[in-house]
Each structure stands twice: as structure tokens, then as C-alpha cells.
Amino acid sequence: MTAFPLPPVRGKIIPNAPLAPYTWFRVGGPADALFLPADEEDLQDFLTALDPAIPVTVLGVGSNVIVRDGGIEGVVIRLMGKYWGNVDARDALTVEARAGALDLSVAKAAAQNGIRGLEFLSGIPGSIGGATRTNAGCYGRELRDGLVSLHGFRRDGTEATYRGPGRPDDAPEAHFSYRHTDLPDDLIVTRLILEGTGTDEPAKILSDIEALQARRAETQPIKDKTSGSTFANPDPPGTPDQRSAWKLIDAAGCRGLKVGGAQVSPMHCNFLI
């Protein structure tokens, strides 16, 4: 039982749910309630009926989240599982991915359908919904570069659609900057459409993804509990004499620094492990 009433759902509600198992760092207290929606309709019905005074927090795969020991007040909505991880090719150049799909899965699904240009996603730990919120990127590309449109719900259950930068559509445009987007705070992204840059033999694209994965393994502590690159660079890409976060951390003598159970990775000092 929770301290507040919750609408009936087809998915699952877990009262007083520990959140540590749902984050990559495996730390943090409980949520008053954890809601695992069965699908978009289940999520929309829940949001529409939920008391607007109850706080809502969205959680994906938990790769870029540290939950405080005191937990999270209200309802935490987790968009993961078979339904939320689905990725489908729409045509020769685009894929539709639900918010819980892992970035690597999106890259591979595109590759398997001969769509080139989304390989960079394989280097981003996390789910595509979270990548949308942070305009995640690597290897010279960001999520906004391939975004056609994104879809979701506002806190009150109202449907919302935004078009990617420069896309010809009547929907409002989503504006992105370095590791940031101006999407409304209460928007829950449920799915998005991404476009590649061209087509190629699936085997060639998959081989390129494997090469990127091998490159990551050589330079990043991917076998440790980590959320990936932790700090954004203080200067956006293209800035003259751009400063890199890892270089500043290294120059400060913090490579390998330990505090309690956390450590600045000796392998790559922009990673906490």
C-alpha cells in the first residue's frame, strides 16, 4: 500500500520499491511507488487519472542516475521491458524506437536494416529516451542529428509531439544544444523516429559497430559499474581551444582518486566507477 491512492493499471505497481537495483551504480533509497506501465495506453491512462499533486519521476535503464539514500517522493515510472525496448525500421532510412530501447540496440537494429549513420549510438550507455533528454552524442554526432520526431505525454496525460531540428512538420520544434534540450520538464518521451544518413550492406555497418565497441573497450572502463562519461566538457564542440573535462580532472591530480566506494577511473578519468 502507498500513502496515496493510485489509479488501476494493466502494468505493475510496486509500493516502497528500492531503486538501487534499477540503477547502474546500485545505490539509492526507495520510491513511494514504482510504476511499470504495460504500454503507452497504460501510461497515458495512469497519468490522466493520477492526482496532479503527486510528483512523477521517469527512469529508464538507470545508466546516468544516482538516487539519493532518502529515495524519491511520489511515483517513479520506469519505461523498460520488452514493449518499451522495441525498435522497428519504418522505411529504408528511418527507425522508430520506444524510449526503453538501449542505444546499442537502436544502432544494431538500424544496421541490420541497412541504415547507416546511427552507429554512434552504440558508444552511448543507456536508453534512447535518456539520450533524447540529454542530446547524448559521441564520435562527432549527437542525437539531434538524426531526430525526425519524438512523441510522448505531458504530466496530465496529454499527447505531445515535437519535430527534430529543421524537420518539415507542423509540430513544434525541439531545440537542442550541447548535452541539453529545451523539452518541457514534465514531458515523458515514449518513442522517437530517427533517420540515418544513407544505406549500406548490413554486414559492413555491423562491422563498424563492432570496431567502435572494441575502441571503447580499449579506452573506457566498460567492465566496471559506471554511468559512462560523467562530466560534460566545459566548452561546447567547435569552441576554439576547447577544454575537455577529462583533461581538467587529470590536471587536477584526480585520476584514480577514491572517496568511499567511488573512484575516478584510472583508465579514463571522466568516468566514475
C-alpha atoms as a PDB file:
ATOM      1  CA  MET A   1       0.000   0.000   0.000  1.00  0.00           C
ATOM      2  CA  THR A   2       1.126   3.536  -0.718  1.00  0.00           C
ATOM      3  CA  ALA A   3       0.340   6.636   1.338  1.00  0.00           C
ATOM      4  CA  PHE A   4      -1.720   7.982  -1.583  1.00  0.00           C
ATOM      5  CA  PRO A   5      -4.296   6.377  -3.903  1.00  0.00           C
ATOM      6  CA  LEU A   6      -3.168   5.225  -7.346  1.00  0.00           C
ATOM      7  CA  PRO A   7      -5.270   4.527 -10.450  1.00  0.00           C
ATOM      8  CA  PRO A   8      -5.766   0.937 -11.637  1.00  0.00           C
ATOM      9  CA  VAL A   9      -3.228  -0.206 -14.233  1.00  0.00           C
ATOM     10  CA  ARG A  10      -2.548  -3.132 -16.545  1.00  0.00           C
ATOM     11  CA  GLY A  11       1.145  -2.953 -15.793  1.00  0.00           C
ATOM     12  CA  LYS A  12       2.685  -3.295 -12.336  1.00  0.00           C
ATOM     13  CA  ILE A  13       2.882  -1.022  -9.293  1.00  0.00           C
ATOM     14  CA  ILE A  14       5.438  -1.774  -6.565  1.00  0.00           C
ATOM     15  CA  PRO A  15       4.918   0.176  -3.302  1.00  0.00           C
ATOM     16  CA  ASN A  16       8.001   1.380  -1.397  1.00  0.00           C
ATOM     17  CA  ALA A  17      10.224  -0.017  -4.155  1.00  0.00           C
ATOM     18  CA  PRO A  18      14.019   0.011  -3.645  1.00  0.00           C
ATOM     19  CA  LEU A  19      15.562   1.816  -6.612  1.00  0.00           C
ATOM     20  CA  ALA A  20      19.180   0.691  -6.255  1.00  0.00           C
ATOM     21  CA  PRO A  21      18.578  -2.466  -8.343  1.00  0.00           C
ATOM     22  CA  TYR A  22      17.333  -0.274 -11.196  1.00  0.00           C
ATOM     23  CA  THR A  23      20.455   1.905 -11.498  1.00  0.00           C
ATOM     24  CA  TRP A  24      23.903   1.009 -12.785  1.00  0.00           C
ATOM     25  CA  PHE A  25      25.610   2.348  -9.656  1.00  0.00           C
ATOM     26  CA  ARG A  26      23.346   0.139  -7.498  1.00  0.00           C
ATOM     27  CA  VAL A  27      22.785   2.843  -4.877  1.00  0.00           C
ATOM     28  CA  GLY A  28      19.781   4.794  -3.615  1.00  0.00           C
ATOM     29  CA  GLY A  29      16.687   4.565  -1.473  1.00  0.00           C
ATOM     30  CA  PRO A  30      13.105   3.630  -2.345  1.00  0.00           C
ATOM     31  CA  ALA A  31      10.373   5.247  -4.388  1.00  0.00           C
ATOM     32  CA  ASP A  32       7.000   5.711  -2.713  1.00  0.00           C
ATOM     33  CA  ALA A  33       5.702   3.733  -5.694  1.00  0.00           C
ATOM     34  CA  LEU A  34       7.312   2.293  -8.811  1.00  0.00           C
ATOM     35  CA  PHE A  35       5.051   2.000 -11.866  1.00  0.00           C
ATOM     36  CA  LEU A  36       5.987  -0.305 -14.746  1.00  0.00           C
ATOM     37  CA  PRO A  37       3.471   0.549 -17.498  1.00  0.00           C
ATOM     38  CA  ALA A  38       2.408  -2.196 -19.890  1.00  0.00           C
ATOM     39  CA  ASP A  39       2.373   0.125 -22.908  1.00  0.00           C
ATOM     40  CA  GLU A  40       1.722   3.719 -23.988  1.00  0.00           C
ATOM     41  CA  GLU A  41      -2.021   3.465 -23.446  1.00  0.00           C
ATOM     42  CA  ASP A  42      -1.495   2.174 -19.910  1.00  0.00           C
ATOM     43  CA  LEU A  43       0.889   5.045 -19.205  1.00  0.00           C
ATOM     44  CA  GLN A  44      -1.467   7.677 -20.603  1.00  0.00           C
ATOM     45  CA  ASP A  45      -4.459   6.362 -18.654  1.00  0.00           C
ATOM     46  CA  PHE A  46      -2.395   6.356 -15.454  1.00  0.00           C
ATOM     47  CA  LEU A  47      -1.157   9.921 -15.916  1.00  0.00           C
ATOM     48  CA  THR A  48      -4.636  11.184 -16.767  1.00  0.00           C
ATOM     49  CA  ALA A  49      -6.164   9.683 -13.622  1.00  0.00           C
ATOM     50  CA  LEU A  50      -3.278  10.340 -11.204  1.00  0.00           C
ATOM     51  CA  ASP A  51      -3.731  13.109  -8.625  1.00  0.00           C
ATOM     52  CA  PRO A  52      -1.811  16.088 -10.093  1.00  0.00           C
ATOM     53  CA  ALA A  53      -0.341  16.810  -6.653  1.00  0.00           C
ATOM     54  CA  ILE A  54       1.650  13.557  -6.714  1.00  0.00           C
ATOM     55  CA  PRO A  55       5.198  14.024  -8.070  1.00  0.00           C
ATOM     56  CA  VAL A  56       6.246  11.891 -11.037  1.00  0.00           C
ATOM     57  CA  THR A  57       9.822  10.941 -11.933  1.00  0.00           C
ATOM     58  CA  VAL A  58      10.802   8.981 -15.038  1.00  0.00           C
ATOM     59  CA  LEU A  59      13.511   6.326 -15.001  1.00  0.00           C
ATOM     60  CA  GLY A  60      14.916   4.448 -17.962  1.00  0.00           C
ATOM     61  CA  VAL A  61      17.732   1.937 -17.741  1.00  0.00           C
ATOM     62  CA  GLY A  62      19.318   3.961 -14.922  1.00  0.00           C
ATOM     63  CA  SER A  63      22.716   4.356 -16.560  1.00  0.00           C
ATOM     64  CA  ASN A  64      23.051   8.068 -15.839  1.00  0.00           C
ATOM     65  CA  VAL A  65      21.300   8.336 -12.482  1.00  0.00           C
ATOM     66  CA  ILE A  66      22.345   8.465  -8.842  1.00  0.00           C
ATOM     67  CA  VAL A  67      19.388   8.085  -6.467  1.00  0.00           C
ATOM     68  CA  ARG A  68      19.767   9.668  -3.039  1.00  0.00           C
ATOM     69  CA  ASP A  69      19.637   7.449   0.039  1.00  0.00           C
ATOM     70  CA  GLY A  70      16.353   9.083   1.027  1.00  0.00           C
ATOM     71  CA  GLY A  71      14.707   7.793  -2.131  1.00  0.00           C
ATOM     72  CA  ILE A  72      12.257   9.592  -4.409  1.00  0.00           C
ATOM     73  CA  GLU A  73       8.922  11.033  -3.359  1.00  0.00           C
ATOM     74  CA  GLY A  74       5.820  10.148  -5.343  1.00  0.00           C
ATOM     75  CA  VAL A  75       5.700   7.799  -8.325  1.00  0.00           C
ATOM     76  CA  VAL A  76       8.723   6.665 -10.308  1.00  0.00           C
ATOM     77  CA  ILE A  77       7.772   5.460 -13.800  1.00  0.00           C
ATOM     78  CA  ARG A  78      10.197   3.013 -15.383  1.00  0.00           C
ATOM     79  CA  LEU A  79       9.999   2.570 -19.144  1.00  0.00           C
ATOM     80  CA  MET A  80      11.838  -0.713 -19.627  1.00  0.00           C
ATOM     81  CA  GLY A  81      10.971  -4.239 -20.717  1.00  0.00           C
ATOM     82  CA  LYS A  82      10.028  -5.967 -23.969  1.00  0.00           C
ATOM     83  CA  TYR A  83       7.403  -3.448 -25.086  1.00  0.00           C
ATOM     84  CA  TRP A  84       9.455  -0.361 -24.254  1.00  0.00           C
ATOM     85  CA  GLY A  85      12.610  -1.785 -25.826  1.00  0.00           C
ATOM     86  CA  ASN A  86      11.133  -2.321 -29.284  1.00  0.00           C
ATOM     87  CA  VAL A  87      12.834  -0.912 -32.403  1.00  0.00           C
ATOM     88  CA  ASP A  88      11.352  -1.183 -35.923  1.00  0.00           C
ATOM     89  CA  ALA A  89      12.508   0.001 -39.335  1.00  0.00           C
ATOM     90  CA  ARG A  90       9.871   2.284 -40.869  1.00  0.00           C
ATOM     91  CA  ASP A  91      11.429   2.600 -44.311  1.00  0.00           C
ATOM     92  CA  ALA A  92      14.835   2.457 -45.999  1.00  0.00           C
ATOM     93  CA  LEU A  93      16.243   5.311 -43.895  1.00  0.00           C
ATOM     94  CA  THR A  94      14.299   5.567 -40.626  1.00  0.00           C
ATOM     95  CA  VAL A  95      13.676   3.555 -37.485  1.00  0.00           C
ATOM     96  CA  GLU A  96      11.106   4.012 -34.733  1.00  0.00           C
ATOM     97  CA  ALA A  97      12.386   3.255 -31.238  1.00  0.00           C
ATOM     98  CA  ARG A  98      10.482   3.188 -27.978  1.00  0.00           C
ATOM     99  CA  ALA A  99      12.047   5.047 -25.086  1.00  0.00           C
ATOM    100  CA  GLY A 100      13.354   1.988 -23.251  1.00  0.00           C
ATOM    101  CA  ALA A 101      15.380   0.665 -26.187  1.00  0.00           C
ATOM    102  CA  LEU A 102      19.088   0.578 -25.414  1.00  0.00           C
ATOM    103  CA  ASP A 103      21.150   2.912 -27.569  1.00  0.00           C
ATOM    104  CA  LEU A 104      23.233  -0.048 -28.729  1.00  0.00           C
ATOM    105  CA  SER A 105      20.056  -1.906 -29.719  1.00  0.00           C
ATOM    106  CA  VAL A 106      18.897   1.054 -31.812  1.00  0.00           C
ATOM    107  CA  ALA A 107      22.251   1.220 -33.589  1.00  0.00           C
ATOM    108  CA  LYS A 108      22.190  -2.515 -34.303  1.00  0.00           C
ATOM    109  CA  ALA A 109      18.567  -2.506 -35.470  1.00  0.00           C
ATOM    110  CA  ALA A 110      19.353   0.277 -37.921  1.00  0.00           C
ATOM    111  CA  ALA A 111      22.440  -1.583 -39.135  1.00  0.00           C
ATOM    112  CA  GLN A 112      20.536  -4.825 -39.616  1.00  0.00           C
ATOM    113  CA  ASN A 113      18.147  -2.935 -41.881  1.00  0.00           C
ATOM    114  CA  GLY A 114      20.974  -1.396 -43.893  1.00  0.00           C
ATOM    115  CA  ILE A 115      20.631   2.078 -42.360  1.00  0.00           C
ATOM    116  CA  ARG A 116      23.926   3.886 -41.881  1.00  0.00           C
ATOM    117  CA  GLY A 117      24.538   6.948 -39.710  1.00  0.00           C
ATOM    118  CA  LEU A 118      23.283   5.785 -36.305  1.00  0.00           C
ATOM    119  CA  GLU A 119      26.359   3.727 -35.400  1.00  0.00           C
ATOM    120  CA  PHE A 120      27.478   6.395 -32.924  1.00  0.00           C
ATOM    121  CA  LEU A 121      24.627   5.369 -30.623  1.00  0.00           C
ATOM    122  CA  SER A 122      26.499   2.133 -29.913  1.00  0.00           C
ATOM    123  CA  GLY A 123      29.020   4.160 -27.929  1.00  0.00           C
ATOM    124  CA  ILE A 124      26.440   5.656 -25.558  1.00  0.00           C
ATOM    125  CA  PRO A 125      25.488   3.639 -22.468  1.00  0.00           C
ATOM    126  CA  GLY A 126      21.797   3.931 -21.675  1.00  0.00           C
ATOM    127  CA  SER A 127      18.378   4.020 -23.288  1.00  0.00           C
ATOM    128  CA  ILE A 128      17.278   6.136 -26.228  1.00  0.00           C
ATOM    129  CA  GLY A 129      14.756   8.046 -24.101  1.00  0.00           C
ATOM    130  CA  GLY A 130      17.507   9.280 -21.818  1.00  0.00           C
ATOM    131  CA  ALA A 131      19.730  10.039 -24.799  1.00  0.00           C
ATOM    132  CA  THR A 132      16.959  12.273 -26.127  1.00  0.00           C
ATOM    133  CA  ARG A 133      16.741  14.228 -22.887  1.00  0.00           C
ATOM    134  CA  THR A 134      20.478  14.926 -22.805  1.00  0.00           C
ATOM    135  CA  ASN A 135      21.148  15.174 -26.545  1.00  0.00           C
ATOM    136  CA  ALA A 136      23.705  12.439 -25.988  1.00  0.00           C
ATOM    137  CA  GLY A 137      26.456  12.006 -28.511  1.00  0.00           C
ATOM    138  CA  CYS A 138      29.906  10.695 -29.344  1.00  0.00           C
ATOM    139  CA  TYR A 139      32.236  10.226 -32.298  1.00  0.00           C
ATOM    140  CA  GLY A 140      31.180  13.558 -33.783  1.00  0.00           C
ATOM    141  CA  ARG A 141      27.412  13.039 -33.827  1.00  0.00           C
ATOM    142  CA  GLU A 142      24.590  13.835 -31.418  1.00  0.00           C
ATOM    143  CA  LEU A 143      21.065  12.518 -31.110  1.00  0.00           C
ATOM    144  CA  ARG A 144      19.597  15.686 -32.629  1.00  0.00           C
ATOM    145  CA  ASP A 145      21.450  14.985 -35.884  1.00  0.00           C
ATOM    146  CA  GLY A 146      19.177  12.061 -36.701  1.00  0.00           C
ATOM    147  CA  LEU A 147      15.985  13.042 -34.911  1.00  0.00           C
ATOM    148  CA  VAL A 148      12.907  13.225 -37.130  1.00  0.00           C
ATOM    149  CA  SER A 149      10.316  13.448 -34.342  1.00  0.00           C
ATOM    150  CA  LEU A 150       9.668  12.454 -30.755  1.00  0.00           C
ATOM    151  CA  HIS A 151       6.403  11.549 -29.077  1.00  0.00           C
ATOM    152  CA  GLY A 152       5.198  11.310 -25.507  1.00  0.00           C
ATOM    153  CA  PHE A 153       2.835  12.562 -22.820  1.00  0.00           C
ATOM    154  CA  ARG A 154       2.736  15.561 -20.503  1.00  0.00           C
ATOM    155  CA  ARG A 155       2.178  15.041 -16.782  1.00  0.00           C
ATOM    156  CA  ASP A 156      -1.605  15.280 -17.220  1.00  0.00           C
ATOM    157  CA  GLY A 157      -1.651  12.576 -19.905  1.00  0.00           C
ATOM    158  CA  THR A 158      -1.929  14.962 -22.850  1.00  0.00           C
ATOM    159  CA  GLU A 159      -0.220  13.682 -26.006  1.00  0.00           C
ATOM    160  CA  ALA A 160       2.745  15.713 -27.237  1.00  0.00           C
ATOM    161  CA  THR A 161       4.822  15.577 -30.425  1.00  0.00           C
ATOM    162  CA  TYR A 162       7.968  17.533 -31.309  1.00  0.00           C
ATOM    163  CA  ARG A 163       9.848  17.587 -34.591  1.00  0.00           C
ATOM    164  CA  GLY A 164      13.593  17.329 -34.911  1.00  0.00           C
ATOM    165  CA  PRO A 165      15.664  20.425 -35.734  1.00  0.00           C
ATOM    166  CA  GLY A 166      14.861  21.731 -39.205  1.00  0.00           C
ATOM    167  CA  ARG A 167      12.385  18.962 -39.985  1.00  0.00           C
ATOM    168  CA  PRO A 168       9.361  19.927 -42.139  1.00  0.00           C
ATOM    169  CA  ASP A 169       6.408  19.323 -39.864  1.00  0.00           C
ATOM    170  CA  ASP A 170       3.633  21.290 -38.180  1.00  0.00           C
ATOM    171  CA  ALA A 171       4.676  20.083 -34.717  1.00  0.00           C
ATOM    172  CA  PRO A 172       6.725  22.425 -32.516  1.00  0.00           C
ATOM    173  CA  GLU A 173      10.469  22.042 -32.973  1.00  0.00           C
ATOM    174  CA  ALA A 174      12.635  20.544 -30.239  1.00  0.00           C
ATOM    175  CA  HIS A 175      15.693  22.715 -29.635  1.00  0.00           C
ATOM    176  CA  PHE A 176      18.963  21.096 -28.660  1.00  0.00           C
ATOM    177  CA  SER A 177      22.355  22.301 -27.514  1.00  0.00           C
ATOM    178  CA  TYR A 178      25.423  20.582 -26.120  1.00  0.00           C
ATOM    179  CA  ARG A 179      24.112  17.865 -23.770  1.00  0.00           C
ATOM    180  CA  HIS A 180      20.844  19.722 -23.316  1.00  0.00           C
ATOM    181  CA  THR A 181      17.347  20.012 -24.732  1.00  0.00           C
ATOM    182  CA  ASP A 182      14.603  22.530 -24.021  1.00  0.00           C
ATOM    183  CA  LEU A 183      11.808  19.937 -23.875  1.00  0.00           C
ATOM    184  CA  PRO A 184       9.249  20.600 -21.103  1.00  0.00           C
ATOM    185  CA  ASP A 185      10.267  19.170 -17.735  1.00  0.00           C
ATOM    186  CA  ASP A 186       7.009  17.250 -17.438  1.00  0.00           C
ATOM    187  CA  LEU A 187       7.269  15.615 -20.871  1.00  0.00           C
ATOM    188  CA  ILE A 188       7.636  11.829 -20.772  1.00  0.00           C
ATOM    189  CA  VAL A 189       9.227  10.718 -24.047  1.00  0.00           C
ATOM    190  CA  THR A 190       7.775   7.374 -25.121  1.00  0.00           C
ATOM    191  CA  ARG A 191       9.104   6.881 -28.651  1.00  0.00           C
ATOM    192  CA  LEU A 192      11.039   8.635 -31.377  1.00  0.00           C
ATOM    193  CA  ILE A 193      11.821   8.372 -35.061  1.00  0.00           C
ATOM    194  CA  LEU A 194      15.439   8.545 -36.186  1.00  0.00           C
ATOM    195  CA  GLU A 195      16.844   8.905 -39.684  1.00  0.00           C
ATOM    196  CA  GLY A 196      20.160   7.598 -40.933  1.00  0.00           C
ATOM    197  CA  THR A 197      22.496   9.269 -43.394  1.00  0.00           C
ATOM    198  CA  GLY A 198      22.337   6.611 -46.095  1.00  0.00           C
ATOM    199  CA  THR A 199      22.194   2.899 -46.800  1.00  0.00           C
ATOM    200  CA  ASP A 200      24.812   0.169 -46.942  1.00  0.00           C
ATOM    201  CA  GLU A 201      25.290  -3.553 -46.583  1.00  0.00           C
ATOM    202  CA  PRO A 202      24.161  -4.567 -43.067  1.00  0.00           C
ATOM    203  CA  ALA A 203      27.328  -6.609 -42.522  1.00  0.00           C
ATOM    204  CA  LYS A 204      29.515  -3.563 -43.199  1.00  0.00           C
ATOM    205  CA  ILE A 205      27.609  -1.370 -40.764  1.00  0.00           C
ATOM    206  CA  LEU A 206      27.612  -4.056 -38.067  1.00  0.00           C
ATOM    207  CA  SER A 207      31.365  -4.442 -38.559  1.00  0.00           C
ATOM    208  CA  ASP A 208      31.794  -0.713 -37.951  1.00  0.00           C
ATOM    209  CA  ILE A 209      29.754  -1.001 -34.752  1.00  0.00           C
ATOM    210  CA  GLU A 210      31.986  -3.846 -33.579  1.00  0.00           C
ATOM    211  CA  ALA A 211      35.021  -1.661 -34.248  1.00  0.00           C
ATOM    212  CA  LEU A 212      33.533   1.156 -32.165  1.00  0.00           C
ATOM    213  CA  GLN A 213      32.818  -1.296 -29.350  1.00  0.00           C
ATOM    214  CA  ALA A 214      36.408  -2.536 -29.455  1.00  0.00           C
ATOM    215  CA  ARG A 215      37.632   1.063 -29.341  1.00  0.00           C
ATOM    216  CA  ARG A 216      35.507   1.712 -26.258  1.00  0.00           C
ATOM    217  CA  ALA A 217      36.854  -1.394 -24.521  1.00  0.00           C
ATOM    218  CA  GLU A 218      40.423  -0.183 -25.064  1.00  0.00           C
ATOM    219  CA  THR A 219      39.880   3.313 -23.675  1.00  0.00           C
ATOM    220  CA  GLN A 220      36.937   3.173 -21.252  1.00  0.00           C
ATOM    221  CA  PRO A 221      36.202   1.146 -18.074  1.00  0.00           C
ATOM    222  CA  ILE A 222      33.134  -0.533 -19.561  1.00  0.00           C
ATOM    223  CA  LYS A 223      33.508  -3.633 -17.370  1.00  0.00           C
ATOM    224  CA  ASP A 224      33.087  -1.583 -14.175  1.00  0.00           C
ATOM    225  CA  LYS A 225      29.897  -0.177 -12.675  1.00  0.00           C
ATOM    226  CA  THR A 226      29.812   3.217 -14.316  1.00  0.00           C
ATOM    227  CA  SER A 227      27.383   5.606 -15.959  1.00  0.00           C
ATOM    228  CA  GLY A 228      29.714   6.384 -18.817  1.00  0.00           C
ATOM    229  CA  SER A 229      31.283   9.775 -19.329  1.00  0.00           C
ATOM    230  CA  THR A 230      30.292  11.713 -16.201  1.00  0.00           C
ATOM    231  CA  PHE A 231      31.058  15.392 -16.742  1.00  0.00           C
ATOM    232  CA  ALA A 232      30.176  17.454 -19.800  1.00  0.00           C
ATOM    233  CA  ASN A 233      33.028  19.370 -21.360  1.00  0.00           C
ATOM    234  CA  PRO A 234      33.027  22.986 -20.119  1.00  0.00           C
ATOM    235  CA  ASP A 235      33.171  24.211 -23.722  1.00  0.00           C
ATOM    236  CA  PRO A 236      30.747  23.040 -26.434  1.00  0.00           C
ATOM    237  CA  PRO A 237      32.111  21.417 -29.605  1.00  0.00           C
ATOM    238  CA  GLY A 238      33.671  23.877 -32.023  1.00  0.00           C
ATOM    239  CA  THR A 239      34.910  26.242 -29.305  1.00  0.00           C
ATOM    240  CA  PRO A 240      38.456  27.464 -30.063  1.00  0.00           C
ATOM    241  CA  ASP A 241      40.935  25.817 -27.675  1.00  0.00           C
ATOM    242  CA  GLN A 242      38.107  23.647 -26.351  1.00  0.00           C
ATOM    243  CA  ARG A 243      38.744  22.287 -22.859  1.00  0.00           C
ATOM    244  CA  SER A 244      37.982  18.634 -22.181  1.00  0.00           C
ATOM    245  CA  ALA A 245      36.568  17.564 -18.827  1.00  0.00           C
ATOM    246  CA  TRP A 246      38.894  14.574 -18.561  1.00  0.00           C
ATOM    247  CA  LYS A 247      41.984  16.729 -19.146  1.00  0.00           C
ATOM    248  CA  LEU A 248      40.967  19.145 -16.391  1.00  0.00           C
ATOM    249  CA  ILE A 249      40.309  16.258 -13.990  1.00  0.00           C
ATOM    250  CA  ASP A 250      43.656  14.709 -14.868  1.00  0.00           C
ATOM    251  CA  ALA A 251      45.483  18.025 -14.464  1.00  0.00           C
ATOM    252  CA  ALA A 252      43.932  18.408 -11.012  1.00  0.00           C
ATOM    253  CA  GLY A 253      45.577  15.129  -9.993  1.00  0.00           C
ATOM    254  CA  CYS A 254      42.290  13.281  -9.558  1.00  0.00           C
ATOM    255  CA  ARG A 255      42.933  10.266 -11.798  1.00  0.00           C
ATOM    256  CA  GLY A 256      42.340   7.224  -9.578  1.00  0.00           C
ATOM    257  CA  LEU A 257      41.013   9.333  -6.663  1.00  0.00           C
ATOM    258  CA  LYS A 258      38.887   7.293  -4.228  1.00  0.00           C
ATOM    259  CA  VAL A 259      36.188   8.542  -1.853  1.00  0.00           C
ATOM    260  CA  GLY A 260      34.344   5.781  -0.031  1.00  0.00           C
ATOM    261  CA  GLY A 261      33.169   3.254  -2.577  1.00  0.00           C
ATOM    262  CA  ALA A 262      33.518   5.621  -5.539  1.00  0.00           C
ATOM    263  CA  GLN A 263      36.592   6.189  -7.657  1.00  0.00           C
ATOM    264  CA  VAL A 264      37.702   8.315 -10.573  1.00  0.00           C
ATOM    265  CA  SER A 265      38.657   5.678 -13.112  1.00  0.00           C
ATOM    266  CA  PRO A 266      42.416   5.293 -13.594  1.00  0.00           C
ATOM    267  CA  MET A 267      41.667   4.201 -17.170  1.00  0.00           C
ATOM    268  CA  HIS A 268      39.612   7.260 -18.181  1.00  0.00           C
ATOM    269  CA  CYS A 269      39.257   9.999 -15.605  1.00  0.00           C
ATOM    270  CA  ASN A 270      35.916  11.307 -16.839  1.00  0.00           C
ATOM    271  CA  PHE A 271      34.386   8.045 -15.646  1.00  0.00           C
ATOM    272  CA  LEU A 272      33.312   7.377 -12.060  1.00  0.00           C
ATOM    273  CA  ILE A 273      33.360   3.731 -11.035  1.00  0.00           C
END
